[in-house]
N, C-alpha and C. Protein backbone atom coordinates (compact mmCIF):
# COMPACT_ATOMS: atom_id res chain seq x y z
N MET A 1 -48.67 -22.54 167.51
CA MET A 1 -48.76 -21.20 168.10
C MET A 1 -47.40 -20.20 167.81
N ARG A 2 -46.61 -20.49 168.32
CA ARG A 2 -45.76 -19.36 168.24
C ARG A 2 -45.05 -18.74 166.72
N ASN A 3 -45.00 -19.78 166.00
CA ASN A 3 -44.85 -19.39 164.52
C ASN A 3 -45.93 -18.95 163.79
N ILE A 4 -47.13 -18.94 164.52
CA ILE A 4 -48.28 -17.75 163.75
C ILE A 4 -47.98 -16.19 163.95
N LEU A 5 -47.87 -16.28 165.63
CA LEU A 5 -47.25 -14.95 166.29
C LEU A 5 -45.61 -14.41 165.95
N TYR A 6 -44.76 -14.88 165.25
CA TYR A 6 -43.89 -14.70 164.23
C TYR A 6 -44.30 -14.06 162.98
N ILE A 7 -45.10 -14.64 162.37
CA ILE A 7 -45.84 -14.23 161.56
C ILE A 7 -46.61 -13.37 161.30
N LEU A 8 -47.40 -12.88 162.30
CA LEU A 8 -48.10 -11.89 162.21
C LEU A 8 -47.00 -10.54 162.88
N ILE A 9 -46.15 -10.72 163.76
CA ILE A 9 -45.22 -9.92 163.86
C ILE A 9 -44.36 -9.28 162.65
N ILE A 10 -44.02 -10.10 161.98
CA ILE A 10 -43.38 -9.95 160.60
C ILE A 10 -43.92 -8.64 159.35
N ILE A 11 -45.25 -9.36 159.57
CA ILE A 11 -46.57 -8.41 158.46
C ILE A 11 -46.44 -7.57 158.97
N MET A 12 -46.70 -7.31 160.22
CA MET A 12 -47.08 -5.87 161.27
C MET A 12 -45.78 -4.85 160.87
N ILE A 13 -44.85 -5.84 160.90
CA ILE A 13 -43.58 -4.42 160.76
C ILE A 13 -43.00 -4.37 159.29
N TYR A 14 -43.76 -5.23 158.56
CA TYR A 14 -43.31 -4.92 156.89
C TYR A 14 -44.74 -3.60 156.45
N SER A 15 -45.80 -3.96 157.36
CA SER A 15 -46.19 -3.03 156.41
C SER A 15 -46.44 -1.36 157.32
N SER A 16 -45.70 -1.62 158.52
CA SER A 16 -45.53 0.16 158.86
C SER A 16 -44.12 0.61 157.86
N LEU A 17 -43.10 -0.66 157.65
CA LEU A 17 -42.03 -0.33 156.61
C LEU A 17 -42.55 0.54 155.60
N SER A 18 -43.42 -0.03 154.76
CA SER A 18 -43.78 0.09 153.32
C SER A 18 -44.18 1.76 153.05
N GLY A 19 -43.83 2.56 154.10
CA GLY A 19 -44.11 4.09 153.67
C GLY A 19 -45.20 4.87 153.25
N ALA A 20 -45.44 5.72 152.83
CA ALA A 20 -46.57 6.68 153.09
C ALA A 20 -47.65 5.83 151.90
N GLU A 21 -48.67 5.79 152.47
CA GLU A 21 -49.66 5.59 151.60
C GLU A 21 -50.90 6.62 150.89
N CYS A 22 -51.28 5.80 149.90
CA CYS A 22 -52.66 7.02 149.75
C CYS A 22 -53.96 6.75 150.35
N SER A 23 -54.66 7.43 150.70
CA SER A 23 -55.94 7.03 151.15
C SER A 23 -57.15 7.88 151.45
N ILE A 24 -57.88 7.71 151.52
CA ILE A 24 -59.25 8.08 150.94
C ILE A 24 -60.30 8.25 152.15
N LYS A 25 -60.62 9.44 152.56
CA LYS A 25 -61.72 9.52 153.34
C LYS A 25 -63.11 10.30 153.17
N THR A 26 -64.26 9.37 153.36
CA THR A 26 -65.28 9.73 152.95
C THR A 26 -65.88 10.29 153.63
N GLU A 27 -67.65 10.91 153.52
CA GLU A 27 -68.43 11.33 154.89
C GLU A 27 -69.56 10.25 153.86
N GLY A 28 -70.79 10.31 154.59
CA GLY A 28 -71.87 9.74 154.14
C GLY A 28 -72.60 9.87 153.12
N LEU A 29 -72.21 9.14 151.91
CA LEU A 29 -72.30 9.63 151.05
C LEU A 29 -73.76 8.98 149.86
N THR A 30 -74.49 9.81 150.08
CA THR A 30 -76.08 10.03 149.72
C THR A 30 -76.39 10.01 147.91
N GLU A 31 -76.78 9.12 147.26
CA GLU A 31 -77.71 9.71 146.01
C GLU A 31 -78.03 10.97 146.01
N GLY A 32 -77.69 11.60 144.71
CA GLY A 32 -77.91 12.96 144.44
C GLY A 32 -77.78 14.21 145.30
N LYS A 33 -77.26 13.78 146.23
CA LYS A 33 -76.64 15.20 147.33
C LYS A 33 -75.11 15.19 146.88
N GLU A 34 -74.83 16.96 147.47
CA GLU A 34 -72.85 16.97 147.19
C GLU A 34 -72.57 16.32 148.69
N SER A 35 -71.35 15.47 148.59
CA SER A 35 -70.74 14.78 149.03
C SER A 35 -69.25 15.33 149.72
N HIS A 36 -68.68 15.08 150.60
CA HIS A 36 -66.54 15.51 150.45
C HIS A 36 -66.49 14.47 150.44
N LEU A 37 -64.89 14.52 149.71
CA LEU A 37 -63.98 13.01 149.66
C LEU A 37 -62.36 13.86 149.97
N THR A 38 -61.89 13.36 150.81
CA THR A 38 -60.51 13.96 151.15
C THR A 38 -59.62 12.88 151.06
N ILE A 39 -58.51 12.90 149.91
CA ILE A 39 -57.68 12.00 149.48
C ILE A 39 -56.45 12.95 150.09
N LEU A 40 -55.55 11.77 150.61
CA LEU A 40 -54.35 12.28 151.02
C LEU A 40 -53.40 11.28 150.28
N THR A 41 -52.35 11.51 149.42
CA THR A 41 -51.65 10.91 148.73
C THR A 41 -50.28 11.59 149.50
N PRO A 42 -49.01 10.60 148.82
CA PRO A 42 -47.19 10.47 149.32
C PRO A 42 -47.19 11.67 148.89
N PRO A 43 -46.03 12.59 149.19
CA PRO A 43 -45.37 13.91 149.04
C PRO A 43 -44.74 13.48 147.42
N ASP A 44 -44.35 12.31 147.10
CA ASP A 44 -43.40 12.32 145.92
C ASP A 44 -44.41 11.44 144.91
N LYS A 45 -46.08 11.34 145.35
CA LYS A 45 -47.13 10.91 143.89
C LYS A 45 -47.68 12.50 143.61
N THR A 46 -47.99 12.26 142.66
CA THR A 46 -48.25 13.64 141.93
C THR A 46 -50.16 12.84 141.28
N PRO A 47 -51.21 12.85 142.21
CA PRO A 47 -52.28 12.25 141.09
C PRO A 47 -53.08 13.42 140.11
N ASN A 48 -53.67 12.89 139.43
CA ASN A 48 -53.86 13.32 138.27
C ASN A 48 -55.47 13.49 137.86
N ARG A 49 -56.35 12.56 138.34
CA ARG A 49 -57.65 12.48 138.01
C ARG A 49 -58.05 10.90 139.15
N VAL A 50 -59.19 11.23 139.44
CA VAL A 50 -59.96 10.18 140.13
C VAL A 50 -61.24 9.66 139.24
N GLU A 51 -61.53 8.61 139.56
CA GLU A 51 -62.48 7.86 139.13
C GLU A 51 -63.54 6.83 139.82
N ILE A 52 -64.55 7.41 139.53
CA ILE A 52 -65.86 6.86 140.71
C ILE A 52 -66.39 5.76 139.56
N ILE A 53 -66.26 4.45 140.25
CA ILE A 53 -66.73 3.26 139.35
C ILE A 53 -68.17 2.45 139.96
N TYR A 54 -69.08 3.02 139.40
CA TYR A 54 -70.64 2.47 140.17
C TYR A 54 -70.45 1.00 139.20
N SER A 55 -71.08 0.34 140.49
CA SER A 55 -71.41 -1.23 140.35
C SER A 55 -70.10 -2.17 139.67
N PRO A 56 -69.24 -1.61 140.47
CA PRO A 56 -67.65 -2.03 139.66
C PRO A 56 -67.89 -4.03 140.03
N ASN A 57 -67.17 -4.44 138.50
CA ASN A 57 -66.87 -5.56 138.08
C ASN A 57 -68.13 -5.74 137.84
N SER A 58 -69.30 -5.12 136.69
CA SER A 58 -70.04 -5.96 136.71
C SER A 58 -70.62 -5.17 135.28
N GLN A 59 -70.99 -5.98 134.88
CA GLN A 59 -71.90 -5.68 133.16
C GLN A 59 -72.01 -4.27 133.36
N THR A 60 -73.34 -3.72 134.66
CA THR A 60 -73.87 -3.04 134.04
C THR A 60 -73.03 -1.34 134.92
N SER A 61 -71.52 -1.34 134.53
CA SER A 61 -71.04 -0.48 135.76
C SER A 61 -70.92 0.67 134.67
N HIS A 62 -70.54 1.93 135.47
CA HIS A 62 -70.32 3.33 135.05
C HIS A 62 -69.19 4.32 135.18
N ILE A 63 -68.88 4.84 134.71
CA ILE A 63 -67.29 5.46 135.32
C ILE A 63 -67.80 6.96 134.52
N GLN A 64 -67.01 7.51 136.21
CA GLN A 64 -67.41 8.77 136.29
C GLN A 64 -66.02 9.15 136.75
N THR A 65 -65.48 9.95 135.83
CA THR A 65 -63.88 10.56 136.16
C THR A 65 -63.72 12.38 136.09
N VAL A 66 -63.30 12.31 137.55
CA VAL A 66 -63.47 13.93 137.75
C VAL A 66 -61.81 14.43 138.08
N PRO A 67 -61.11 16.06 137.52
CA PRO A 67 -60.30 16.02 137.87
C PRO A 67 -59.54 16.00 139.20
N PHE A 68 -58.42 15.45 139.79
CA PHE A 68 -58.00 15.57 141.26
C PHE A 68 -57.79 16.99 142.30
N ALA A 69 -58.38 16.38 142.84
CA ALA A 69 -58.31 17.59 144.43
C ALA A 69 -58.05 17.00 145.46
N PRO A 70 -57.18 17.83 146.41
CA PRO A 70 -57.66 17.19 147.77
C PRO A 70 -58.55 17.14 148.45
N ALA A 71 -59.42 18.25 148.15
CA ALA A 71 -61.04 18.07 148.88
C ALA A 71 -61.78 17.88 147.57
N LEU A 72 -62.43 16.89 147.55
CA LEU A 72 -63.19 16.87 146.24
C LEU A 72 -64.73 16.62 146.64
N SER A 73 -65.56 17.64 146.00
CA SER A 73 -67.27 17.79 146.08
C SER A 73 -67.56 16.08 145.08
N LEU A 74 -68.17 15.62 145.18
CA LEU A 74 -68.85 15.10 144.70
C LEU A 74 -70.24 14.76 144.58
N THR A 75 -71.36 14.74 143.54
CA THR A 75 -72.64 14.22 143.71
C THR A 75 -72.74 12.61 143.05
N PRO A 76 -73.08 11.82 143.87
CA PRO A 76 -73.33 10.56 143.20
C PRO A 76 -74.14 10.51 142.83
N HIS A 77 -74.56 9.57 141.74
CA HIS A 77 -75.77 9.82 140.81
C HIS A 77 -76.60 8.56 141.11
N ARG A 78 -75.32 7.63 141.16
CA ARG A 78 -76.33 5.98 141.01
C ARG A 78 -75.91 5.13 142.94
N PRO A 79 -77.21 5.10 143.16
CA PRO A 79 -77.07 4.31 144.85
C PRO A 79 -75.81 2.87 144.43
N GLY A 80 -75.90 2.52 145.50
CA GLY A 80 -74.86 1.11 145.64
C GLY A 80 -73.41 1.39 145.45
N ILE A 81 -73.05 0.35 145.50
CA ILE A 81 -71.36 -0.01 145.81
C ILE A 81 -70.44 0.73 144.23
N ALA A 82 -69.52 1.39 145.14
CA ALA A 82 -69.00 2.14 144.07
C ALA A 82 -67.17 2.72 144.48
N LYS A 83 -66.33 2.29 143.51
CA LYS A 83 -65.26 2.37 143.92
C LYS A 83 -64.11 3.05 143.42
N ILE A 84 -63.62 4.14 144.29
CA ILE A 84 -63.07 5.69 143.84
C ILE A 84 -61.90 4.68 143.69
N VAL A 85 -60.89 5.40 142.37
CA VAL A 85 -59.45 5.08 141.92
C VAL A 85 -58.94 6.28 141.52
N VAL A 86 -57.80 6.38 142.40
CA VAL A 86 -56.69 7.43 142.18
C VAL A 86 -55.83 7.50 141.44
N TYR A 87 -55.40 8.22 140.06
CA TYR A 87 -54.44 7.23 139.18
C TYR A 87 -53.55 9.29 138.88
N ASP A 88 -51.98 8.69 138.56
CA ASP A 88 -51.40 9.44 138.76
C ASP A 88 -51.18 10.31 136.93
N ALA A 89 -49.88 10.81 136.67
CA ALA A 89 -50.50 11.21 134.81
C ALA A 89 -49.59 9.84 134.25
N GLU A 90 -49.03 9.09 134.96
CA GLU A 90 -48.27 7.98 134.03
C GLU A 90 -50.13 6.76 134.11
N ASN A 91 -51.13 7.12 133.98
CA ASN A 91 -52.16 6.07 134.88
C ASN A 91 -52.21 5.08 135.52
N THR A 92 -51.42 5.23 136.33
CA THR A 92 -50.86 4.13 137.36
C THR A 92 -52.14 4.38 138.89
N ILE A 93 -52.44 3.55 139.31
CA ILE A 93 -53.47 3.51 140.38
C ILE A 93 -52.53 3.83 141.63
N LEU A 94 -53.01 5.10 141.96
CA LEU A 94 -51.85 5.74 143.33
C LEU A 94 -53.26 4.68 144.71
N CYS A 95 -54.03 4.65 144.66
CA CYS A 95 -55.14 3.96 145.75
C CYS A 95 -56.21 3.62 145.20
N SER A 96 -57.28 2.79 145.97
CA SER A 96 -58.64 2.56 145.60
C SER A 96 -59.23 2.21 146.93
N ARG A 97 -60.42 2.52 146.57
CA ARG A 97 -61.53 2.34 147.59
C ARG A 97 -62.97 2.00 147.92
N LEU A 98 -63.40 0.75 148.18
CA LEU A 98 -64.76 0.74 148.01
C LEU A 98 -65.58 1.36 149.23
N ILE A 99 -66.92 2.06 148.04
CA ILE A 99 -67.86 3.08 149.19
C ILE A 99 -69.09 2.19 149.05
N SER A 100 -69.94 2.41 149.78
CA SER A 100 -71.51 2.42 149.87
C SER A 100 -72.31 3.74 149.55
N ILE A 101 -72.70 3.87 148.66
CA ILE A 101 -73.67 5.54 148.32
C ILE A 101 -75.09 4.90 148.40
N HIS A 102 -75.70 5.50 149.46
CA HIS A 102 -77.24 5.18 150.02
C HIS A 102 -77.94 6.01 149.28
N PHE A 103 -79.30 5.01 149.16
CA PHE A 103 -80.31 5.45 148.38
C PHE A 103 -80.81 6.89 149.08
N ASN A 104 -81.29 7.79 147.95
CA ASN A 104 -82.31 9.56 148.26
C ASN A 104 -83.39 9.46 149.10
N GLY A 105 -83.30 8.06 148.78
CA GLY A 105 -85.00 7.85 149.66
C GLY A 105 -85.52 6.60 149.93
N ILE A 106 -86.27 5.85 150.03
CA ILE A 106 -86.57 4.36 150.47
C ILE A 106 -86.55 3.95 149.13
N PRO A 107 -86.64 2.63 149.18
CA PRO A 107 -86.06 1.73 147.59
C PRO A 107 -86.98 1.36 147.38
N TRP A 108 -88.47 1.93 146.81
CA TRP A 108 -90.10 1.47 146.90
C TRP A 108 -89.69 -0.09 146.61
N SER A 109 -89.04 -0.29 145.02
CA SER A 109 -88.83 -1.89 144.73
C SER A 109 -88.33 -2.90 145.78
N GLY A 110 -87.75 -2.30 146.42
CA GLY A 110 -87.43 -3.33 147.81
C GLY A 110 -87.93 -4.02 148.00
N VAL A 111 -89.00 -2.75 148.82
CA VAL A 111 -89.96 -2.80 150.15
C VAL A 111 -90.96 -3.93 149.26
N ILE A 112 -91.31 -3.64 148.30
CA ILE A 112 -92.16 -4.27 147.40
C ILE A 112 -91.93 -5.68 147.73
N ILE A 113 -90.32 -6.08 146.88
CA ILE A 113 -89.82 -7.49 146.98
C ILE A 113 -90.02 -8.08 148.06
N PHE A 114 -89.37 -7.61 149.18
CA PHE A 114 -89.48 -7.84 150.42
C PHE A 114 -91.13 -8.35 151.32
N LEU A 115 -91.78 -7.39 150.57
CA LEU A 115 -93.64 -7.48 151.34
C LEU A 115 -94.14 -9.02 150.02
N LEU A 116 -93.90 -8.85 148.41
CA LEU A 116 -93.63 -10.50 148.36
C LEU A 116 -93.22 -11.99 148.68
N ALA A 117 -92.24 -11.30 148.74
CA ALA A 117 -91.06 -12.41 149.68
C ALA A 117 -92.33 -13.39 151.09
N ALA A 118 -92.55 -12.04 152.12
CA ALA A 118 -93.08 -12.67 153.36
C ALA A 118 -94.48 -13.36 153.16
N ILE A 119 -95.01 -12.43 152.06
CA ILE A 119 -96.74 -13.27 152.14
C ILE A 119 -96.25 -14.65 151.55
N THR A 120 -95.50 -14.69 150.42
CA THR A 120 -95.45 -16.05 150.41
C THR A 120 -95.20 -17.00 151.25
N LEU A 121 -94.12 -16.62 151.89
CA LEU A 121 -93.40 -17.57 152.84
C LEU A 121 -94.06 -17.96 153.98
N PHE A 122 -94.73 -16.66 154.40
CA PHE A 122 -95.80 -17.09 155.68
C PHE A 122 -97.14 -17.67 154.88
N THR A 123 -97.52 -17.49 153.76
CA THR A 123 -98.79 -18.09 153.39
C THR A 123 -98.52 -19.79 153.40
N GLY A 124 -97.30 -19.68 152.57
CA GLY A 124 -96.45 -21.45 152.58
C GLY A 124 -96.57 -22.47 154.02
N THR A 125 -96.29 -21.59 155.19
CA THR A 125 -95.96 -21.73 156.28
C THR A 125 -97.66 -22.22 157.33
N PHE A 126 -98.37 -21.40 156.55
CA PHE A 126 -99.90 -21.44 157.26
C PHE A 126 -100.22 -22.43 156.76
N ILE A 127 -100.27 -22.64 155.48
CA ILE A 127 -101.08 -23.98 154.70
C ILE A 127 -100.31 -25.23 155.08
N SER A 128 -99.00 -25.31 155.55
CA SER A 128 -98.21 -26.58 155.96
C SER A 128 -98.82 -26.79 157.52
N LEU A 129 -99.10 -25.87 158.26
CA LEU A 129 -99.39 -26.16 159.80
C LEU A 129 -100.77 -26.59 159.38
N ARG A 130 -101.83 -26.03 158.72
CA ARG A 130 -102.96 -26.24 158.62
C ARG A 130 -103.40 -27.67 158.29
N LYS A 131 -102.69 -27.90 157.25
CA LYS A 131 -102.17 -29.10 156.92
C LYS A 131 -101.95 -30.39 158.18
N ALA A 132 -101.01 -30.34 158.94
CA ALA A 132 -100.23 -30.66 159.82
C ALA A 132 -101.26 -30.97 160.82
N LEU A 133 -102.30 -29.92 161.55
CA LEU A 133 -103.03 -30.45 162.76
C LEU A 133 -104.08 -30.72 161.88
N LYS A 134 -104.37 -30.34 160.97
CA LYS A 134 -105.83 -31.34 160.37
C LYS A 134 -105.56 -32.84 160.40
N ALA A 135 -104.58 -33.11 160.00
CA ALA A 135 -104.08 -34.70 160.11
C ALA A 135 -104.35 -35.77 161.49
N ASP A 136 -103.92 -34.56 162.57
CA ASP A 136 -104.37 -35.13 163.95
C ASP A 136 -105.73 -35.33 164.12
């Protein structure tokens, strides 16, 4: 137990000494509505561009590239998970963050799938209970 405590203390000290980090702050992002991102970078780093990768690590990913600005206005055009990546002039990643982009309205396809699943499950339960009670 004491060793784990020492390791945690060492990790905390190391992370606090690692220097200034880049950070990305977002407001609630919604599909089709203008949102604001605040990107803070260390003074010794000069950001060049920002990439928004919609559906990262999938075959349907889409990349939107915008020039860097400390206070960036962004209008997301796809709901779901997105990754914001900040690059410098040498294409080195300064920082990145996964964000959630909300639907602009009710996703009707999700509601329909939910209702079909509920009907299927409750119908199966009803039939099973009916057969079980008839057997008695």
